[in-house]
Amino acid sequence: KKGYVSACIDYRLASSAAFLIQEENMIKTVFRTIHDGKAAVRFFRKDAQTSKVHKIDQDQIFMGGTSAGGILSVNLAYLNDSNKLSAEWQKWISEIGGMEGNSGNSGYCSYVNGVFSFAGGIADTSFIDPNDPPLYATHSLLDGTVRFGKGRPLGGLAAIDLYGSGPLIGNLKSKGIYTQFDSFGGLAHPPHSNPLRLTPTKDHLTE
């Protein structure tokens, strides 16, 4: 009735934070979530091209989320070329279904037209290409769960670094990709979880 469709998807998570200390476990966990996100996108494109139950515009599909959902969304949107991954990561991903995965609705495009991220991060900003989709993001500058800059999430316990909203937005802007960004002071994760502690700040973007 409002002119848009929204969906809250299920996706696989690690059994515990301790499981993510080992690099292979973390990479496979993140890619399983990406696979589930891609399957959801394909579900709606399949519907748009067949039964049209949900009546969506398949040229306006946006993916976003908070924390783990933000990590899912930005990596889904910007990691499209397996050749940008190390040979080891490529091997691990091939063992669980490759870049697209086996979560369902095969044969349809999993590309998204826009992405939003609340306290998310990307495995490497080099994944981003100039023709990639636009981003809206928010982040607390002192977030210790998913760093605003570059760092290991979960208080430093996770196996690999993530690039948070700071370097992510900076890289997108350098490539001419449209972005909107709200940064906040404090360490709340996600930034909107404790609005009394949050102070809007000017952009602090780092490469």
C-alpha atoms as a PDB file:
ATOM      1  CA  LYS A   1       0.000   0.000   0.000  1.00  0.00           C
ATOM      2  CA  LYS A   2       2.924   2.363   0.662  1.00  0.00           C
ATOM      3  CA  GLY A   3       4.596   1.505  -2.629  1.00  0.00           C
ATOM      4  CA  TYR A   4       7.360  -0.779  -1.417  1.00  0.00           C
ATOM      5  CA  VAL A   5       7.933  -4.304  -0.109  1.00  0.00           C
ATOM      6  CA  SER A   6      10.109  -5.165   2.893  1.00  0.00           C
ATOM      7  CA  ALA A   7      11.354  -8.516   4.124  1.00  0.00           C
ATOM      8  CA  CYS A   8      13.302  -9.658   7.179  1.00  0.00           C
ATOM      9  CA  ILE A   9      15.315 -12.708   6.143  1.00  0.00           C
ATOM     10  CA  ASP A  10      16.771 -15.611   8.082  1.00  0.00           C
ATOM     11  CA  TYR A  11      20.473 -16.310   7.621  1.00  0.00           C
ATOM     12  CA  ARG A  12      22.976 -18.645   9.232  1.00  0.00           C
ATOM     13  CA  LEU A  13      25.199 -17.476  12.080  1.00  0.00           C
ATOM     14  CA  ALA A  14      28.128 -18.914  14.025  1.00  0.00           C
ATOM     15  CA  SER A  15      27.244 -21.134  16.972  1.00  0.00           C
ATOM     16  CA  SER A  16      29.257 -18.813  19.250  1.00  0.00           C
ATOM     17  CA  ALA A  17      31.675 -15.888  19.064  1.00  0.00           C
ATOM     18  CA  ALA A  18      34.517 -18.249  20.036  1.00  0.00           C
ATOM     19  CA  PHE A  19      33.894 -20.183  16.805  1.00  0.00           C
ATOM     20  CA  LEU A  20      35.053 -17.124  14.835  1.00  0.00           C
ATOM     21  CA  ILE A  21      38.554 -17.076  16.350  1.00  0.00           C
ATOM     22  CA  GLN A  22      39.675 -19.576  13.709  1.00  0.00           C
ATOM     23  CA  GLU A  23      40.033 -17.946  10.271  1.00  0.00           C
ATOM     24  CA  GLU A  24      38.507 -20.747   8.191  1.00  0.00           C
ATOM     25  CA  ASN A  25      35.471 -20.860  10.462  1.00  0.00           C
ATOM     26  CA  MET A  26      34.984 -17.112  10.190  1.00  0.00           C
ATOM     27  CA  ILE A  27      35.293 -17.011   6.404  1.00  0.00           C
ATOM     28  CA  LYS A  28      32.882 -19.898   5.928  1.00  0.00           C
ATOM     29  CA  THR A  29      30.414 -18.423   8.432  1.00  0.00           C
ATOM     30  CA  VAL A  30      30.384 -15.021   6.730  1.00  0.00           C
ATOM     31  CA  PHE A  31      29.984 -16.568   3.287  1.00  0.00           C
ATOM     32  CA  ARG A  32      27.121 -18.778   4.440  1.00  0.00           C
ATOM     33  CA  THR A  33      25.308 -15.617   5.554  1.00  0.00           C
ATOM     34  CA  ILE A  34      26.089 -14.014   2.180  1.00  0.00           C
ATOM     35  CA  HIS A  35      24.759 -17.114   0.405  1.00  0.00           C
ATOM     36  CA  ASP A  36      21.491 -16.838   2.335  1.00  0.00           C
ATOM     37  CA  GLY A  37      21.252 -13.134   1.500  1.00  0.00           C
ATOM     38  CA  LYS A  38      21.835 -13.838  -2.191  1.00  0.00           C
ATOM     39  CA  ALA A  39      19.142 -16.526  -2.120  1.00  0.00           C
ATOM     40  CA  ALA A  40      16.696 -13.978  -0.700  1.00  0.00           C
ATOM     41  CA  VAL A  41      17.485 -11.500  -3.485  1.00  0.00           C
ATOM     42  CA  ARG A  42      17.066 -14.257  -6.057  1.00  0.00           C
ATOM     43  CA  PHE A  43      13.741 -15.215  -4.468  1.00  0.00           C
ATOM     44  CA  PHE A  44      12.317 -11.777  -5.180  1.00  0.00           C
ATOM     45  CA  ARG A  45      13.707 -11.618  -8.707  1.00  0.00           C
ATOM     46  CA  LYS A  46      12.258 -15.066  -9.380  1.00  0.00           C
ATOM     47  CA  ASP A  47       8.883 -13.880  -8.081  1.00  0.00           C
ATOM     48  CA  ALA A  48       9.066 -10.721 -10.209  1.00  0.00           C
ATOM     49  CA  GLN A  49       9.720 -12.805 -13.326  1.00  0.00           C
ATOM     50  CA  THR A  50       7.148 -15.523 -12.622  1.00  0.00           C
ATOM     51  CA  SER A  51       4.184 -15.373 -10.239  1.00  0.00           C
ATOM     52  CA  LYS A  52       4.536 -11.677  -9.264  1.00  0.00           C
ATOM     53  CA  VAL A  53       2.997 -12.318  -5.838  1.00  0.00           C
ATOM     54  CA  HIS A  54       5.033  -9.584  -4.142  1.00  0.00           C
ATOM     55  CA  LYS A  55       4.792  -7.065  -7.012  1.00  0.00           C
ATOM     56  CA  ILE A  56       8.314  -5.716  -6.584  1.00  0.00           C
ATOM     57  CA  ASP A  57      10.435  -3.601  -8.914  1.00  0.00           C
ATOM     58  CA  GLN A  58      13.395  -5.893  -9.492  1.00  0.00           C
ATOM     59  CA  ASP A  59      15.506  -2.907 -10.535  1.00  0.00           C
ATOM     60  CA  GLN A  60      15.134  -1.421  -7.050  1.00  0.00           C
ATOM     61  CA  ILE A  61      16.252  -4.161  -4.640  1.00  0.00           C
ATOM     62  CA  PHE A  62      18.105  -2.927  -1.563  1.00  0.00           C
ATOM     63  CA  MET A  63      19.850  -5.033   1.079  1.00  0.00           C
ATOM     64  CA  GLY A  64      20.810  -3.845   4.530  1.00  0.00           C
ATOM     65  CA  GLY A  65      21.192  -4.731   8.159  1.00  0.00           C
ATOM     66  CA  THR A  66      22.708  -4.104  11.561  1.00  0.00           C
ATOM     67  CA  SER A  67      26.050  -5.510  12.760  1.00  0.00           C
ATOM     68  CA  ALA A  68      26.139  -9.058  11.305  1.00  0.00           C
ATOM     69  CA  GLY A  69      23.400  -8.005   8.880  1.00  0.00           C
ATOM     70  CA  GLY A  70      25.465  -5.008   7.840  1.00  0.00           C
ATOM     71  CA  ILE A  71      28.516  -7.217   7.285  1.00  0.00           C
ATOM     72  CA  LEU A  72      26.372  -9.564   5.192  1.00  0.00           C
ATOM     73  CA  SER A  73      24.969  -6.700   3.139  1.00  0.00           C
ATOM     74  CA  VAL A  74      28.130  -4.785   2.272  1.00  0.00           C
ATOM     75  CA  ASN A  75      30.092  -7.928   1.414  1.00  0.00           C
ATOM     76  CA  LEU A  76      27.183  -9.208  -0.698  1.00  0.00           C
ATOM     77  CA  ALA A  77      27.022  -5.875  -2.540  1.00  0.00           C
ATOM     78  CA  TYR A  78      30.733  -5.305  -3.140  1.00  0.00           C
ATOM     79  CA  LEU A  79      32.418  -8.727  -3.265  1.00  0.00           C
ATOM     80  CA  ASN A  80      31.621 -10.026  -6.734  1.00  0.00           C
ATOM     81  CA  ASP A  81      34.974 -11.266  -8.034  1.00  0.00           C
ATOM     82  CA  SER A  82      36.521 -14.357  -6.445  1.00  0.00           C
ATOM     83  CA  ASN A  83      39.841 -13.481  -8.103  1.00  0.00           C
ATOM     84  CA  LYS A  84      40.215 -10.692  -5.538  1.00  0.00           C
ATOM     85  CA  LEU A  85      40.388 -13.316  -2.781  1.00  0.00           C
ATOM     86  CA  SER A  86      43.410 -15.294  -1.648  1.00  0.00           C
ATOM     87  CA  ALA A  87      43.775 -18.858  -2.935  1.00  0.00           C
ATOM     88  CA  GLU A  88      43.022 -20.131   0.561  1.00  0.00           C
ATOM     89  CA  TRP A  89      39.796 -18.161   0.832  1.00  0.00           C
ATOM     90  CA  GLN A  90      38.765 -19.305  -2.643  1.00  0.00           C
ATOM     91  CA  LYS A  91      39.308 -22.926  -1.566  1.00  0.00           C
ATOM     92  CA  TRP A  92      37.229 -22.547   1.597  1.00  0.00           C
ATOM     93  CA  ILE A  93      34.408 -20.803  -0.264  1.00  0.00           C
ATOM     94  CA  SER A  94      34.371 -23.444  -3.011  1.00  0.00           C
ATOM     95  CA  GLU A  95      33.847 -26.075  -0.300  1.00  0.00           C
ATOM     96  CA  ILE A  96      30.556 -24.456   0.766  1.00  0.00           C
ATOM     97  CA  GLY A  97      29.057 -23.579  -2.620  1.00  0.00           C
ATOM     98  CA  GLY A  98      31.237 -20.935  -4.227  1.00  0.00           C
ATOM     99  CA  MET A  99      30.356 -17.268  -4.535  1.00  0.00           C
ATOM    100  CA  GLU A 100      26.606 -17.799  -5.030  1.00  0.00           C
ATOM    101  CA  GLY A 101      26.088 -20.738  -2.664  1.00  0.00           C
ATOM    102  CA  ASN A 102      23.398 -23.406  -2.561  1.00  0.00           C
ATOM    103  CA  SER A 103      20.712 -21.650  -0.533  1.00  0.00           C
ATOM    104  CA  GLY A 104      18.087 -21.759  -3.259  1.00  0.00           C
ATOM    105  CA  ASN A 105      16.435 -19.945  -6.176  1.00  0.00           C
ATOM    106  CA  SER A 106      19.283 -20.615  -8.583  1.00  0.00           C
ATOM    107  CA  GLY A 107      19.257 -19.107 -12.058  1.00  0.00           C
ATOM    108  CA  TYR A 108      18.347 -15.573 -10.987  1.00  0.00           C
ATOM    109  CA  CYS A 109      20.524 -12.526 -10.400  1.00  0.00           C
ATOM    110  CA  SER A 110      21.663 -11.755  -6.841  1.00  0.00           C
ATOM    111  CA  TYR A 111      22.814  -8.182  -7.587  1.00  0.00           C
ATOM    112  CA  VAL A 112      21.453  -5.447  -5.302  1.00  0.00           C
ATOM    113  CA  ASN A 113      20.767  -1.873  -6.393  1.00  0.00           C
ATOM    114  CA  GLY A 114      21.626  -0.268  -3.072  1.00  0.00           C
ATOM    115  CA  VAL A 115      22.885  -1.188   0.376  1.00  0.00           C
ATOM    116  CA  PHE A 116      22.626   0.166   3.919  1.00  0.00           C
ATOM    117  CA  SER A 117      24.739  -0.756   6.899  1.00  0.00           C
ATOM    118  CA  PHE A 118      24.365   0.044  10.589  1.00  0.00           C
ATOM    119  CA  ALA A 119      27.764  -0.750  12.188  1.00  0.00           C
ATOM    120  CA  GLY A 120      28.813  -3.129   9.426  1.00  0.00           C
ATOM    121  CA  GLY A 121      32.141  -3.739   7.741  1.00  0.00           C
ATOM    122  CA  ILE A 122      33.783  -5.257   4.685  1.00  0.00           C
ATOM    123  CA  ALA A 123      36.620  -7.766   4.437  1.00  0.00           C
ATOM    124  CA  ASP A 124      38.596  -5.549   2.056  1.00  0.00           C
ATOM    125  CA  THR A 125      37.825  -2.207   0.427  1.00  0.00           C
ATOM    126  CA  SER A 126      39.682  -3.384  -2.706  1.00  0.00           C
ATOM    127  CA  PHE A 127      36.541  -5.384  -3.531  1.00  0.00           C
ATOM    128  CA  ILE A 128      34.775  -2.145  -4.525  1.00  0.00           C
ATOM    129  CA  ASP A 129      34.474  -1.218  -8.206  1.00  0.00           C
ATOM    130  CA  PRO A 130      33.337   2.150  -9.652  1.00  0.00           C
ATOM    131  CA  ASN A 131      30.046   0.710 -10.962  1.00  0.00           C
ATOM    132  CA  ASP A 132      29.009  -0.745  -7.597  1.00  0.00           C
ATOM    133  CA  PRO A 133      25.753   0.283  -5.846  1.00  0.00           C
ATOM    134  CA  PRO A 134      25.334   3.253  -3.470  1.00  0.00           C
ATOM    135  CA  LEU A 135      25.503   2.962   0.328  1.00  0.00           C
ATOM    136  CA  TYR A 136      23.919   4.516   3.395  1.00  0.00           C
ATOM    137  CA  ALA A 137      25.786   3.799   6.650  1.00  0.00           C
ATOM    138  CA  THR A 138      25.897   4.730  10.337  1.00  0.00           C
ATOM    139  CA  HIS A 139      28.600   3.898  12.875  1.00  0.00           C
ATOM    140  CA  SER A 140      29.808   4.875  16.347  1.00  0.00           C
ATOM    141  CA  LEU A 141      33.390   6.134  16.161  1.00  0.00           C
ATOM    142  CA  LEU A 142      34.507   4.111  19.204  1.00  0.00           C
ATOM    143  CA  ASP A 143      32.569   0.942  18.386  1.00  0.00           C
ATOM    144  CA  GLY A 144      34.599  -1.990  19.730  1.00  0.00           C
ATOM    145  CA  THR A 145      32.410  -4.755  18.300  1.00  0.00           C
ATOM    146  CA  VAL A 146      32.790  -3.773  14.643  1.00  0.00           C
ATOM    147  CA  ARG A 147      35.458  -1.091  14.348  1.00  0.00           C
ATOM    148  CA  PHE A 148      34.688   2.204  12.656  1.00  0.00           C
ATOM    149  CA  GLY A 149      38.115   2.028  11.008  1.00  0.00           C
ATOM    150  CA  LYS A 150      40.155  -1.087  10.289  1.00  0.00           C
ATOM    151  CA  GLY A 151      40.393  -3.721  12.998  1.00  0.00           C
ATOM    152  CA  ARG A 152      39.375  -7.127  14.235  1.00  0.00           C
ATOM    153  CA  PRO A 153      35.727  -7.284  15.332  1.00  0.00           C
ATOM    154  CA  LEU A 154      34.402  -8.718  18.600  1.00  0.00           C
ATOM    155  CA  GLY A 155      36.863  -6.752  20.684  1.00  0.00           C
ATOM    156  CA  GLY A 156      39.815  -7.986  18.642  1.00  0.00           C
ATOM    157  CA  LEU A 157      39.024 -11.689  19.079  1.00  0.00           C
ATOM    158  CA  ALA A 158      37.911 -12.450  15.508  1.00  0.00           C
ATOM    159  CA  ALA A 159      40.347 -14.033  13.065  1.00  0.00           C
ATOM    160  CA  ILE A 160      40.562 -11.286  10.440  1.00  0.00           C
ATOM    161  CA  ASP A 161      40.344  -7.518  10.145  1.00  0.00           C
ATOM    162  CA  LEU A 162      37.247  -5.779   8.867  1.00  0.00           C
ATOM    163  CA  TYR A 163      37.143  -2.324   7.324  1.00  0.00           C
ATOM    164  CA  GLY A 164      34.331  -0.424   9.041  1.00  0.00           C
ATOM    165  CA  SER A 165      32.257   2.481   7.809  1.00  0.00           C
ATOM    166  CA  GLY A 166      35.151   4.966   7.827  1.00  0.00           C
ATOM    167  CA  PRO A 167      37.378   3.343   5.197  1.00  0.00           C
ATOM    168  CA  LEU A 168      34.345   1.868   3.436  1.00  0.00           C
ATOM    169  CA  ILE A 169      32.732   5.255   2.850  1.00  0.00           C
ATOM    170  CA  GLY A 170      36.080   6.836   2.006  1.00  0.00           C
ATOM    171  CA  ASN A 171      36.769   4.224  -0.663  1.00  0.00           C
ATOM    172  CA  LEU A 172      33.302   4.519  -2.180  1.00  0.00           C
ATOM    173  CA  LYS A 173      33.631   8.300  -2.413  1.00  0.00           C
ATOM    174  CA  SER A 174      37.056   7.994  -4.041  1.00  0.00           C
ATOM    175  CA  LYS A 175      35.451   5.872  -6.767  1.00  0.00           C
ATOM    176  CA  GLY A 176      32.596   8.307  -7.328  1.00  0.00           C
ATOM    177  CA  ILE A 177      29.908   6.070  -5.793  1.00  0.00           C
ATOM    178  CA  TYR A 178      27.012   7.883  -4.113  1.00  0.00           C
ATOM    179  CA  THR A 179      27.025   7.590  -0.302  1.00  0.00           C
ATOM    180  CA  GLN A 180      25.274   8.999   2.722  1.00  0.00           C
ATOM    181  CA  PHE A 181      26.874   8.581   6.135  1.00  0.00           C
ATOM    182  CA  ASP A 182      25.916   9.447   9.725  1.00  0.00           C
ATOM    183  CA  SER A 183      28.730   9.073  12.243  1.00  0.00           C
ATOM    184  CA  PHE A 184      28.285   9.198  15.999  1.00  0.00           C
ATOM    185  CA  GLY A 185      30.474   9.693  19.019  1.00  0.00           C
ATOM    186  CA  GLY A 186      30.647   7.068  21.734  1.00  0.00           C
ATOM    187  CA  LEU A 187      30.938   3.311  21.540  1.00  0.00           C
ATOM    188  CA  ALA A 188      27.344   2.095  21.227  1.00  0.00           C
ATOM    189  CA  HIS A 189      26.900  -0.918  18.973  1.00  0.00           C
ATOM    190  CA  PRO A 190      24.904  -0.459  16.879  1.00  0.00           C
ATOM    191  CA  PRO A 191      24.877   3.341  16.965  1.00  0.00           C
ATOM    192  CA  HIS A 192      21.100   3.617  17.358  1.00  0.00           C
ATOM    193  CA  SER A 193      20.966   1.144  20.289  1.00  0.00           C
ATOM    194  CA  ASN A 194      21.573   3.812  22.935  1.00  0.00           C
ATOM    195  CA  PRO A 195      20.615   7.228  21.547  1.00  0.00           C
ATOM    196  CA  LEU A 196      21.262   9.002  24.860  1.00  0.00           C
ATOM    197  CA  ARG A 197      24.952   8.166  24.504  1.00  0.00           C
ATOM    198  CA  LEU A 198      25.286   9.226  20.901  1.00  0.00           C
ATOM    199  CA  THR A 199      26.482  12.618  19.749  1.00  0.00           C
ATOM    200  CA  PRO A 200      26.357  13.360  16.028  1.00  0.00           C
ATOM    201  CA  THR A 201      29.767  14.311  14.711  1.00  0.00           C
ATOM    202  CA  LYS A 202      31.224  15.471  11.424  1.00  0.00           C
ATOM    203  CA  ASP A 203      32.507  12.812   9.034  1.00  0.00           C
ATOM    204  CA  HIS A 204      35.771  11.170  10.084  1.00  0.00           C
ATOM    205  CA  LEU A 205      36.712   9.157   7.032  1.00  0.00           C
ATOM    206  CA  THR A 206      39.976   7.253   6.796  1.00  0.00           C
ATOM    207  CA  GLU A 207      41.587   5.110   4.156  1.00  0.00           C
END
